[in-house]
Each structure stands twice: as structure tokens, then as C-alpha cells.
Amino acid sequence: MIDYTISYNNSHRHFVDFKLSAKTFGKEKMQFQLPAWRPGRYELANFAQNIQKWGAFDENDHPLAFKKITKDLWEVETKATEKIT
């Protein structure tokens, strides 16, 4: 199961905070990707261009190594990690 938290802590700055948590199920790497299409508009968009901060953490809140593969795809090293946030 994937848990999402969406908050709007800095409304004056027009930023939305997203937090996603998921179990790794023993995977050594996990990929996270944003959609590239706009529903109902039939056009591609670059939603990732507006991301200000991106990070991955284990169940003990330690940072995990990650790399950006494409404009909207990130790969996280999750070896020996049970849960990722």
C-alpha cells in the first residue's frame, strides 16, 4: 500500500507539499515517476519542472541515495530498507 500526505504549509508561496510512503518488499531499487500527460487535454507536460525539493528516506529517517533518470523519473537505492518515504 502507498500512503500519501498532501499539505499546504506555505500558502503564501503557492507551494504544495507531497509525502509518499511505501513498503519496499525487499527490492534493491525503486522507481518513482510523475505522469507526462494532462488528462482531457491530450498533450504532454513537464510537471517535474516545478519540483523544488526531492528526497528519499528510510524507516529511520536516514537519507537514501537516488538519481534522476529522466525529466520525470527517479530511482532510489532501497537495499536493506523496509519502508521508503
PDB file of N, CA and C in Angstrom:
ATOM      1  N   MET A   1       0.837  -1.174   0.000  1.00  0.00           N
ATOM      2  CA  MET A   1       0.000   0.000   0.000  1.00  0.00           C
ATOM      3  C   MET A   1       0.888   1.245   0.000  1.00  0.00           C
ATOM      4  N   ILE A   2       0.432   2.265  -0.669  1.00  0.00           N
ATOM      5  CA  ILE A   2       1.119   3.548  -0.717  1.00  0.00           C
ATOM      6  C   ILE A   2       0.284   4.553   0.060  1.00  0.00           C
ATOM      7  N   ASP A   3       0.942   5.283   0.968  1.00  0.00           N
ATOM      8  CA  ASP A   3       0.275   6.334   1.741  1.00  0.00           C
ATOM      9  C   ASP A   3       0.741   7.690   1.236  1.00  0.00           C
ATOM     10  N   TYR A   4      -0.218   8.588   1.006  1.00  0.00           N
ATOM     11  CA  TYR A   4       0.084   9.937   0.547  1.00  0.00           C
ATOM     12  C   TYR A   4      -0.352  10.944   1.601  1.00  0.00           C
ATOM     13  N   THR A   5       0.431  11.989   1.775  1.00  0.00           N
ATOM     14  CA  THR A   5       0.046  13.129   2.600  1.00  0.00           C
ATOM     15  C   THR A   5       0.278  14.373   1.756  1.00  0.00           C
ATOM     16  N   ILE A   6      -0.740  15.190   1.667  1.00  0.00           N
ATOM     17  CA  ILE A   6      -0.637  16.434   0.908  1.00  0.00           C
ATOM     18  C   ILE A   6      -0.930  17.570   1.875  1.00  0.00           C
ATOM     19  N   SER A   7      -0.022  18.535   1.938  1.00  0.00           N
ATOM     20  CA  SER A   7      -0.226  19.672   2.838  1.00  0.00           C
ATOM     21  C   SER A   7       0.085  20.969   2.109  1.00  0.00           C
ATOM     22  N   TYR A   8      -0.361  22.034   2.694  1.00  0.00           N
ATOM     23  CA  TYR A   8      -0.243  23.355   2.096  1.00  0.00           C
ATOM     24  C   TYR A   8       0.274  24.307   3.172  1.00  0.00           C
ATOM     25  N   ASN A   9       1.506  24.055   3.645  1.00  0.00           N
ATOM     26  CA  ASN A   9       2.063  24.787   4.781  1.00  0.00           C
ATOM     27  C   ASN A   9       2.456  26.220   4.452  1.00  0.00           C
ATOM     28  N   ASN A  10       2.909  26.468   3.255  1.00  0.00           N
ATOM     29  CA  ASN A  10       3.355  27.804   2.859  1.00  0.00           C
ATOM     30  C   ASN A  10       2.447  28.359   1.776  1.00  0.00           C
ATOM     31  N   SER A  11       1.206  28.587   2.114  1.00  0.00           N
ATOM     32  CA  SER A  11       0.232  29.006   1.105  1.00  0.00           C
ATOM     33  C   SER A  11       0.616  30.332   0.447  1.00  0.00           C
ATOM     34  N   HIS A  12       1.275  31.203   1.183  1.00  0.00           N
ATOM     35  CA  HIS A  12       1.681  32.492   0.604  1.00  0.00           C
ATOM     36  C   HIS A  12       2.736  32.315  -0.489  1.00  0.00           C
ATOM     37  N   ARG A  13       3.444  31.156  -0.490  1.00  0.00           N
ATOM     38  CA  ARG A  13       4.459  30.898  -1.511  1.00  0.00           C
ATOM     39  C   ARG A  13       3.899  30.049  -2.660  1.00  0.00           C
ATOM     40  N   HIS A  14       2.660  29.614  -2.539  1.00  0.00           N
ATOM     41  CA  HIS A  14       1.980  28.819  -3.568  1.00  0.00           C
ATOM     42  C   HIS A  14       2.661  27.475  -3.810  1.00  0.00           C
ATOM     43  N   PHE A  15       3.149  26.844  -2.738  1.00  0.00           N
ATOM     44  CA  PHE A  15       3.755  25.520  -2.825  1.00  0.00           C
ATOM     45  C   PHE A  15       2.864  24.510  -2.117  1.00  0.00           C
ATOM     46  N   VAL A  16       2.818  23.306  -2.656  1.00  0.00           N
ATOM     47  CA  VAL A  16       2.108  22.192  -2.045  1.00  0.00           C
ATOM     48  C   VAL A  16       3.152  21.150  -1.679  1.00  0.00           C
ATOM     49  N   ASP A  17       3.041  20.586  -0.477  1.00  0.00           N
ATOM     50  CA  ASP A  17       3.968  19.547  -0.025  1.00  0.00           C
ATOM     51  C   ASP A  17       3.322  18.183  -0.201  1.00  0.00           C
ATOM     52  N   PHE A  18       4.057  17.265  -0.832  1.00  0.00           N
ATOM     53  CA  PHE A  18       3.593  15.892  -1.019  1.00  0.00           C
ATOM     54  C   PHE A  18       4.543  14.963  -0.279  1.00  0.00           C
ATOM     55  N   LYS A  19       3.977  13.992   0.426  1.00  0.00           N
ATOM     56  CA  LYS A  19       4.777  12.984   1.108  1.00  0.00           C
ATOM     57  C   LYS A  19       4.180  11.624   0.768  1.00  0.00           C
ATOM     58  N   LEU A  20       5.031  10.733   0.299  1.00  0.00           N
ATOM     59  CA  LEU A  20       4.602   9.400  -0.109  1.00  0.00           C
ATOM     60  C   LEU A  20       5.389   8.382   0.697  1.00  0.00           C
ATOM     61  N   SER A  21       4.720   7.379   1.248  1.00  0.00           N
ATOM     62  CA  SER A  21       5.389   6.301   1.979  1.00  0.00           C
ATOM     63  C   SER A  21       4.926   4.966   1.415  1.00  0.00           C
ATOM     64  N   ALA A  22       5.877   4.031   1.280  1.00  0.00           N
ATOM     65  CA  ALA A  22       5.548   2.710   0.729  1.00  0.00           C
ATOM     66  C   ALA A  22       6.534   1.678   1.262  1.00  0.00           C
ATOM     67  N   LYS A  23       6.089   0.446   1.351  1.00  0.00           N
ATOM     68  CA  LYS A  23       6.979  -0.656   1.691  1.00  0.00           C
ATOM     69  C   LYS A  23       7.814  -1.013   0.466  1.00  0.00           C
ATOM     70  N   THR A  24       9.039  -1.484   0.687  1.00  0.00           N
ATOM     71  CA  THR A  24       9.920  -1.818  -0.428  1.00  0.00           C
ATOM     72  C   THR A  24       9.792  -3.281  -0.853  1.00  0.00           C
ATOM     73  N   PHE A  25       9.262  -4.134   0.009  1.00  0.00           N
ATOM     74  CA  PHE A  25       9.101  -5.564  -0.281  1.00  0.00           C
ATOM     75  C   PHE A  25      10.406  -6.209  -0.736  1.00  0.00           C
ATOM     76  N   GLY A  26      11.526  -5.773  -0.142  1.00  0.00           N
ATOM     77  CA  GLY A  26      12.821  -6.380  -0.418  1.00  0.00           C
ATOM     78  C   GLY A  26      13.489  -5.944  -1.712  1.00  0.00           C
ATOM     79  N   LYS A  27      12.900  -5.009  -2.419  1.00  0.00           N
ATOM     80  CA  LYS A  27      13.502  -4.528  -3.677  1.00  0.00           C
ATOM     81  C   LYS A  27      14.777  -3.747  -3.365  1.00  0.00           C
ATOM     82  N   GLU A  28      15.782  -3.879  -4.217  1.00  0.00           N
ATOM     83  CA  GLU A  28      17.030  -3.149  -4.027  1.00  0.00           C
ATOM     84  C   GLU A  28      16.960  -1.736  -4.597  1.00  0.00           C
ATOM     85  N   LYS A  29      16.069  -1.534  -5.569  1.00  0.00           N
ATOM     86  CA  LYS A  29      15.858  -0.215  -6.173  1.00  0.00           C
ATOM     87  C   LYS A  29      14.374  -0.039  -6.446  1.00  0.00           C
ATOM     88  N   MET A  30      13.907   1.185  -6.318  1.00  0.00           N
ATOM     89  CA  MET A  30      12.525   1.507  -6.652  1.00  0.00           C
ATOM     90  C   MET A  30      12.530   2.755  -7.518  1.00  0.00           C
ATOM     91  N   GLN A  31      11.579   2.823  -8.440  1.00  0.00           N
ATOM     92  CA  GLN A  31      11.460   3.989  -9.307  1.00  0.00           C
ATOM     93  C   GLN A  31      10.148   4.709  -9.040  1.00  0.00           C
ATOM     94  N   PHE A  32      10.223   6.018  -9.104  1.00  0.00           N
ATOM     95  CA  PHE A  32       9.059   6.875  -8.904  1.00  0.00           C
ATOM     96  C   PHE A  32       8.967   7.827 -10.081  1.00  0.00           C
ATOM     97  N   GLN A  33       7.782   7.900 -10.683  1.00  0.00           N
ATOM     98  CA  GLN A  33       7.620   8.691 -11.899  1.00  0.00           C
ATOM     99  C   GLN A  33       6.333   9.500 -11.841  1.00  0.00           C
ATOM    100  N   LEU A  34       6.427  10.718 -12.324  1.00  0.00           N
ATOM    101  CA  LEU A  34       5.251  11.566 -12.473  1.00  0.00           C
ATOM    102  C   LEU A  34       4.640  11.333 -13.844  1.00  0.00           C
ATOM    103  N   PRO A  35       3.340  11.537 -13.989  1.00  0.00           N
ATOM    104  CA  PRO A  35       2.739  11.399 -15.316  1.00  0.00           C
ATOM    105  C   PRO A  35       3.243  12.503 -16.243  1.00  0.00           C
ATOM    106  N   ALA A  36       3.206  12.249 -17.520  1.00  0.00           N
ATOM    107  CA  ALA A  36       3.657  13.226 -18.516  1.00  0.00           C
ATOM    108  C   ALA A  36       2.493  13.788 -19.327  1.00  0.00           C
ATOM    109  N   TRP A  37       1.291  13.383 -19.017  1.00  0.00           N
ATOM    110  CA  TRP A  37       0.145  13.827 -19.800  1.00  0.00           C
ATOM    111  C   TRP A  37      -0.806  14.645 -18.928  1.00  0.00           C
ATOM    112  N   ARG A  38      -1.605  15.432 -19.586  1.00  0.00           N
ATOM    113  CA  ARG A  38      -2.641  16.214 -18.903  1.00  0.00           C
ATOM    114  C   ARG A  38      -3.983  15.591 -19.247  1.00  0.00           C
ATOM    115  N   PRO A  39      -4.677  15.038 -18.274  1.00  0.00           N
ATOM    116  CA  PRO A  39      -5.964  14.392 -18.554  1.00  0.00           C
ATOM    117  C   PRO A  39      -6.934  15.342 -19.249  1.00  0.00           C
ATOM    118  N   GLY A  40      -7.557  14.853 -20.295  1.00  0.00           N
ATOM    119  CA  GLY A  40      -8.544  15.629 -21.025  1.00  0.00           C
ATOM    120  C   GLY A  40      -7.965  16.638 -22.007  1.00  0.00           C
ATOM    121  N   ARG A  41      -6.654  16.844 -21.975  1.00  0.00           N
ATOM    122  CA  ARG A  41      -6.050  17.834 -22.864  1.00  0.00           C
ATOM    123  C   ARG A  41      -5.271  17.171 -23.995  1.00  0.00           C
ATOM    124  N   TYR A  42      -4.939  15.889 -23.833  1.00  0.00           N
ATOM    125  CA  TYR A  42      -4.207  15.135 -24.855  1.00  0.00           C
ATOM    126  C   TYR A  42      -2.913  15.829 -25.275  1.00  0.00           C
ATOM    127  N   GLU A  43      -2.184  16.308 -24.273  1.00  0.00           N
ATOM    128  CA  GLU A  43      -0.892  16.920 -24.547  1.00  0.00           C
ATOM    129  C   GLU A  43       0.099  16.543 -23.452  1.00  0.00           C
ATOM    130  N   LEU A  44       1.367  16.508 -23.814  1.00  0.00           N
ATOM    131  CA  LEU A  44       2.415  16.208 -22.849  1.00  0.00           C
ATOM    132  C   LEU A  44       2.766  17.466 -22.063  1.00  0.00           C
ATOM    133  N   ALA A  45       3.142  17.265 -20.802  1.00  0.00           N
ATOM    134  CA  ALA A  45       3.540  18.386 -19.954  1.00  0.00           C
ATOM    135  C   ALA A  45       4.746  17.960 -19.126  1.00  0.00           C
ATOM    136  N   ASN A  46       5.492  18.920 -18.645  1.00  0.00           N
ATOM    137  CA  ASN A  46       6.653  18.641 -17.803  1.00  0.00           C
ATOM    138  C   ASN A  46       6.332  19.066 -16.371  1.00  0.00           C
ATOM    139  N   PHE A  47       5.565  18.234 -15.657  1.00  0.00           N
ATOM    140  CA  PHE A  47       5.162  18.560 -14.289  1.00  0.00           C
ATOM    141  C   PHE A  47       6.350  18.581 -13.337  1.00  0.00           C
ATOM    142  N   ALA A  48       7.379  17.818 -13.621  1.00  0.00           N
ATOM    143  CA  ALA A  48       8.547  17.727 -12.738  1.00  0.00           C
ATOM    144  C   ALA A  48       9.347  19.025 -12.698  1.00  0.00           C
ATOM    145  N   GLN A  49       9.169  19.897 -13.665  1.00  0.00           N
ATOM    146  CA  GLN A  49       9.946  21.139 -13.697  1.00  0.00           C
ATOM    147  C   GLN A  49       9.652  22.035 -12.492  1.00  0.00           C
ATOM    148  N   ASN A  50       8.521  21.842 -11.849  1.00  0.00           N
ATOM    149  CA  ASN A  50       8.136  22.690 -10.723  1.00  0.00           C
ATOM    150  C   ASN A  50       8.504  22.105  -9.362  1.00  0.00           C
ATOM    151  N   ILE A  51       9.136  20.957  -9.330  1.00  0.00           N
ATOM    152  CA  ILE A  51       9.541  20.356  -8.054  1.00  0.00           C
ATOM    153  C   ILE A  51      10.730  21.132  -7.503  1.00  0.00           C
ATOM    154  N   GLN A  52      10.607  21.609  -6.267  1.00  0.00           N
ATOM    155  CA  GLN A  52      11.660  22.399  -5.637  1.00  0.00           C
ATOM    156  C   GLN A  52      12.618  21.529  -4.827  1.00  0.00           C
ATOM    157  N   LYS A  53      12.089  20.554  -4.111  1.00  0.00           N
ATOM    158  CA  LYS A  53      12.919  19.664  -3.287  1.00  0.00           C
ATOM    159  C   LYS A  53      12.421  18.237  -3.468  1.00  0.00           C
ATOM    160  N   TRP A  54      13.362  17.292  -3.551  1.00  0.00           N
ATOM    161  CA  TRP A  54      13.016  15.877  -3.711  1.00  0.00           C
ATOM    162  C   TRP A  54      14.008  15.095  -2.881  1.00  0.00           C
ATOM    163  N   GLY A  55      13.519  14.195  -2.039  1.00  0.00           N
ATOM    164  CA  GLY A  55      14.404  13.385  -1.219  1.00  0.00           C
ATOM    165  C   GLY A  55      13.760  12.054  -0.908  1.00  0.00           C
ATOM    166  N   ALA A  56      14.579  11.084  -0.527  1.00  0.00           N
ATOM    167  CA  ALA A  56      14.090   9.757  -0.164  1.00  0.00           C
ATOM    168  C   ALA A  56      14.736   9.361   1.162  1.00  0.00           C
ATOM    169  N   PHE A  57      13.934   8.747   2.046  1.00  0.00           N
ATOM    170  CA  PHE A  57      14.393   8.408   3.390  1.00  0.00           C
ATOM    171  C   PHE A  57      13.924   7.013   3.777  1.00  0.00           C
ATOM    172  N   ASP A  58      14.727   6.332   4.603  1.00  0.00           N
ATOM    173  CA  ASP A  58      14.339   5.005   5.074  1.00  0.00           C
ATOM    174  C   ASP A  58      13.436   5.126   6.299  1.00  0.00           C
ATOM    175  N   GLU A  59      13.096   3.971   6.908  1.00  0.00           N
ATOM    176  CA  GLU A  59      12.178   3.961   8.039  1.00  0.00           C
ATOM    177  C   GLU A  59      12.734   4.660   9.278  1.00  0.00           C
ATOM    178  N   ASN A  60      14.047   4.872   9.331  1.00  0.00           N
ATOM    179  CA  ASN A  60      14.682   5.589  10.443  1.00  0.00           C
ATOM    180  C   ASN A  60      14.988   7.040  10.096  1.00  0.00           C
ATOM    181  N   ASP A  61      14.417   7.508   9.006  1.00  0.00           N
ATOM    182  CA  ASP A  61      14.571   8.879   8.521  1.00  0.00           C
ATOM    183  C   ASP A  61      15.997   9.200   8.073  1.00  0.00           C
ATOM    184  N   HIS A  62      16.746   8.170   7.677  1.00  0.00           N
ATOM    185  CA  HIS A  62      18.074   8.369   7.093  1.00  0.00           C
ATOM    186  C   HIS A  62      17.920   8.564   5.585  1.00  0.00           C
ATOM    187  N   PRO A  63      18.672   9.488   5.001  1.00  0.00           N
ATOM    188  CA  PRO A  63      18.564   9.721   3.548  1.00  0.00           C
ATOM    189  C   PRO A  63      19.007   8.507   2.735  1.00  0.00           C
ATOM    190  N   LEU A  64      18.315   8.266   1.646  1.00  0.00           N
ATOM    191  CA  LEU A  64      18.665   7.195   0.716  1.00  0.00           C
ATOM    192  C   LEU A  64      19.225   7.813  -0.568  1.00  0.00           C
ATOM    193  N   ALA A  65      20.169   7.119  -1.175  1.00  0.00           N
ATOM    194  CA  ALA A  65      20.746   7.594  -2.438  1.00  0.00           C
ATOM    195  C   ALA A  65      19.709   7.461  -3.554  1.00  0.00           C
ATOM    196  N   PHE A  66      19.662   8.459  -4.407  1.00  0.00           N
ATOM    197  CA  PHE A  66      18.757   8.419  -5.557  1.00  0.00           C
ATOM    198  C   PHE A  66      19.398   9.153  -6.716  1.00  0.00           C
ATOM    199  N   LYS A  67      18.878   8.885  -7.903  1.00  0.00           N
ATOM    200  CA  LYS A  67      19.317   9.634  -9.079  1.00  0.00           C
ATOM    201  C   LYS A  67      18.121   9.891  -9.972  1.00  0.00           C
ATOM    202  N   LYS A  68      18.189  10.993 -10.674  1.00  0.00           N
ATOM    203  CA  LYS A  68      17.140  11.351 -11.621  1.00  0.00           C
ATOM    204  C   LYS A  68      17.508  10.727 -12.955  1.00  0.00           C
ATOM    205  N   ILE A  69      16.642   9.854 -13.459  1.00  0.00           N
ATOM    206  CA  ILE A  69      16.916   9.110 -14.682  1.00  0.00           C
ATOM    207  C   ILE A  69      16.470   9.901 -15.925  1.00  0.00           C
ATOM    208  N   THR A  70      15.258  10.424 -15.858  1.00  0.00           N
ATOM    209  CA  THR A  70      14.721  11.266 -16.935  1.00  0.00           C
ATOM    210  C   THR A  70      14.102  12.493 -16.290  1.00  0.00           C
ATOM    211  N   LYS A  71      13.469  13.335 -17.084  1.00  0.00           N
ATOM    212  CA  LYS A  71      12.889  14.568 -16.540  1.00  0.00           C
ATOM    213  C   LYS A  71      11.815  14.322 -15.487  1.00  0.00           C
ATOM    214  N   ASP A  72      11.224  13.123 -15.486  1.00  0.00           N
ATOM    215  CA  ASP A  72      10.137  12.853 -14.545  1.00  0.00           C
ATOM    216  C   ASP A  72      10.245  11.483 -13.868  1.00  0.00           C
ATOM    217  N   LEU A  73      11.455  10.907 -13.825  1.00  0.00           N
ATOM    218  CA  LEU A  73      11.661   9.570 -13.254  1.00  0.00           C
ATOM    219  C   LEU A  73      12.882   9.569 -12.332  1.00  0.00           C
ATOM    220  N   TRP A  74      12.683   9.096 -11.086  1.00  0.00           N
ATOM    221  CA  TRP A  74      13.751   8.991 -10.101  1.00  0.00           C
ATOM    222  C   TRP A  74      13.915   7.538  -9.691  1.00  0.00           C
ATOM    223  N   GLU A  75      15.159   7.114  -9.449  1.00  0.00           N
ATOM    224  CA  GLU A  75      15.450   5.758  -8.984  1.00  0.00           C
ATOM    225  C   GLU A  75      16.130   5.863  -7.616  1.00  0.00           C
ATOM    226  N   VAL A  76      15.598   5.117  -6.637  1.00  0.00           N
ATOM    227  CA  VAL A  76      16.077   5.178  -5.253  1.00  0.00           C
ATOM    228  C   VAL A  76      16.695   3.844  -4.876  1.00  0.00           C
ATOM    229  N   GLU A  77      17.861   3.888  -4.225  1.00  0.00           N
ATOM    230  CA  GLU A  77      18.516   2.686  -3.702  1.00  0.00           C
ATOM    231  C   GLU A  77      17.812   2.304  -2.397  1.00  0.00           C
ATOM    232  N   THR A  78      17.178   1.131  -2.369  1.00  0.00           N
ATOM    233  CA  THR A  78      16.400   0.721  -1.203  1.00  0.00           C
ATOM    234  C   THR A  78      16.897  -0.583  -0.581  1.00  0.00           C
ATOM    235  N   LYS A  79      18.109  -0.984  -0.894  1.00  0.00           N
ATOM    236  CA  LYS A  79      18.656  -2.230  -0.356  1.00  0.00           C
ATOM    237  C   LYS A  79      18.682  -2.156   1.177  1.00  0.00           C
ATOM    238  N   ALA A  80      18.211  -3.229   1.831  1.00  0.00           N
ATOM    239  CA  ALA A  80      18.146  -3.336   3.299  1.00  0.00           C
ATOM    240  C   ALA A  80      17.216  -2.301   3.922  1.00  0.00           C
ATOM    241  N   THR A  81      16.250  -1.846   3.158  1.00  0.00           N
ATOM    242  CA  THR A  81      15.267  -0.867   3.644  1.00  0.00           C
ATOM    243  C   THR A  81      13.882  -1.497   3.575  1.00  0.00           C
ATOM    244  N   GLU A  82      13.109  -1.367   4.647  1.00  0.00           N
ATOM    245  CA  GLU A  82      11.764  -1.939   4.664  1.00  0.00           C
ATOM    246  C   GLU A  82      10.709  -0.962   4.159  1.00  0.00           C
ATOM    247  N   LYS A  83      10.910   0.314   4.447  1.00  0.00           N
ATOM    248  CA  LYS A  83       9.918   1.333   4.089  1.00  0.00           C
ATOM    249  C   LYS A  83      10.633   2.573   3.580  1.00  0.00           C
ATOM    250  N   ILE A  84      10.061   3.188   2.574  1.00  0.00           N
ATOM    251  CA  ILE A  84      10.633   4.407   1.990  1.00  0.00           C
ATOM    252  C   ILE A  84       9.628   5.538   2.113  1.00  0.00           C
ATOM    253  N   THR A  85      10.155   6.735   2.352  1.00  0.00           N
ATOM    254  CA  THR A  85       9.326   7.939   2.381  1.00  0.00           C
ATOM    255  C   THR A  85       9.969   8.982   1.502  1.00  0.00           C
TER     256      THR A  85
END
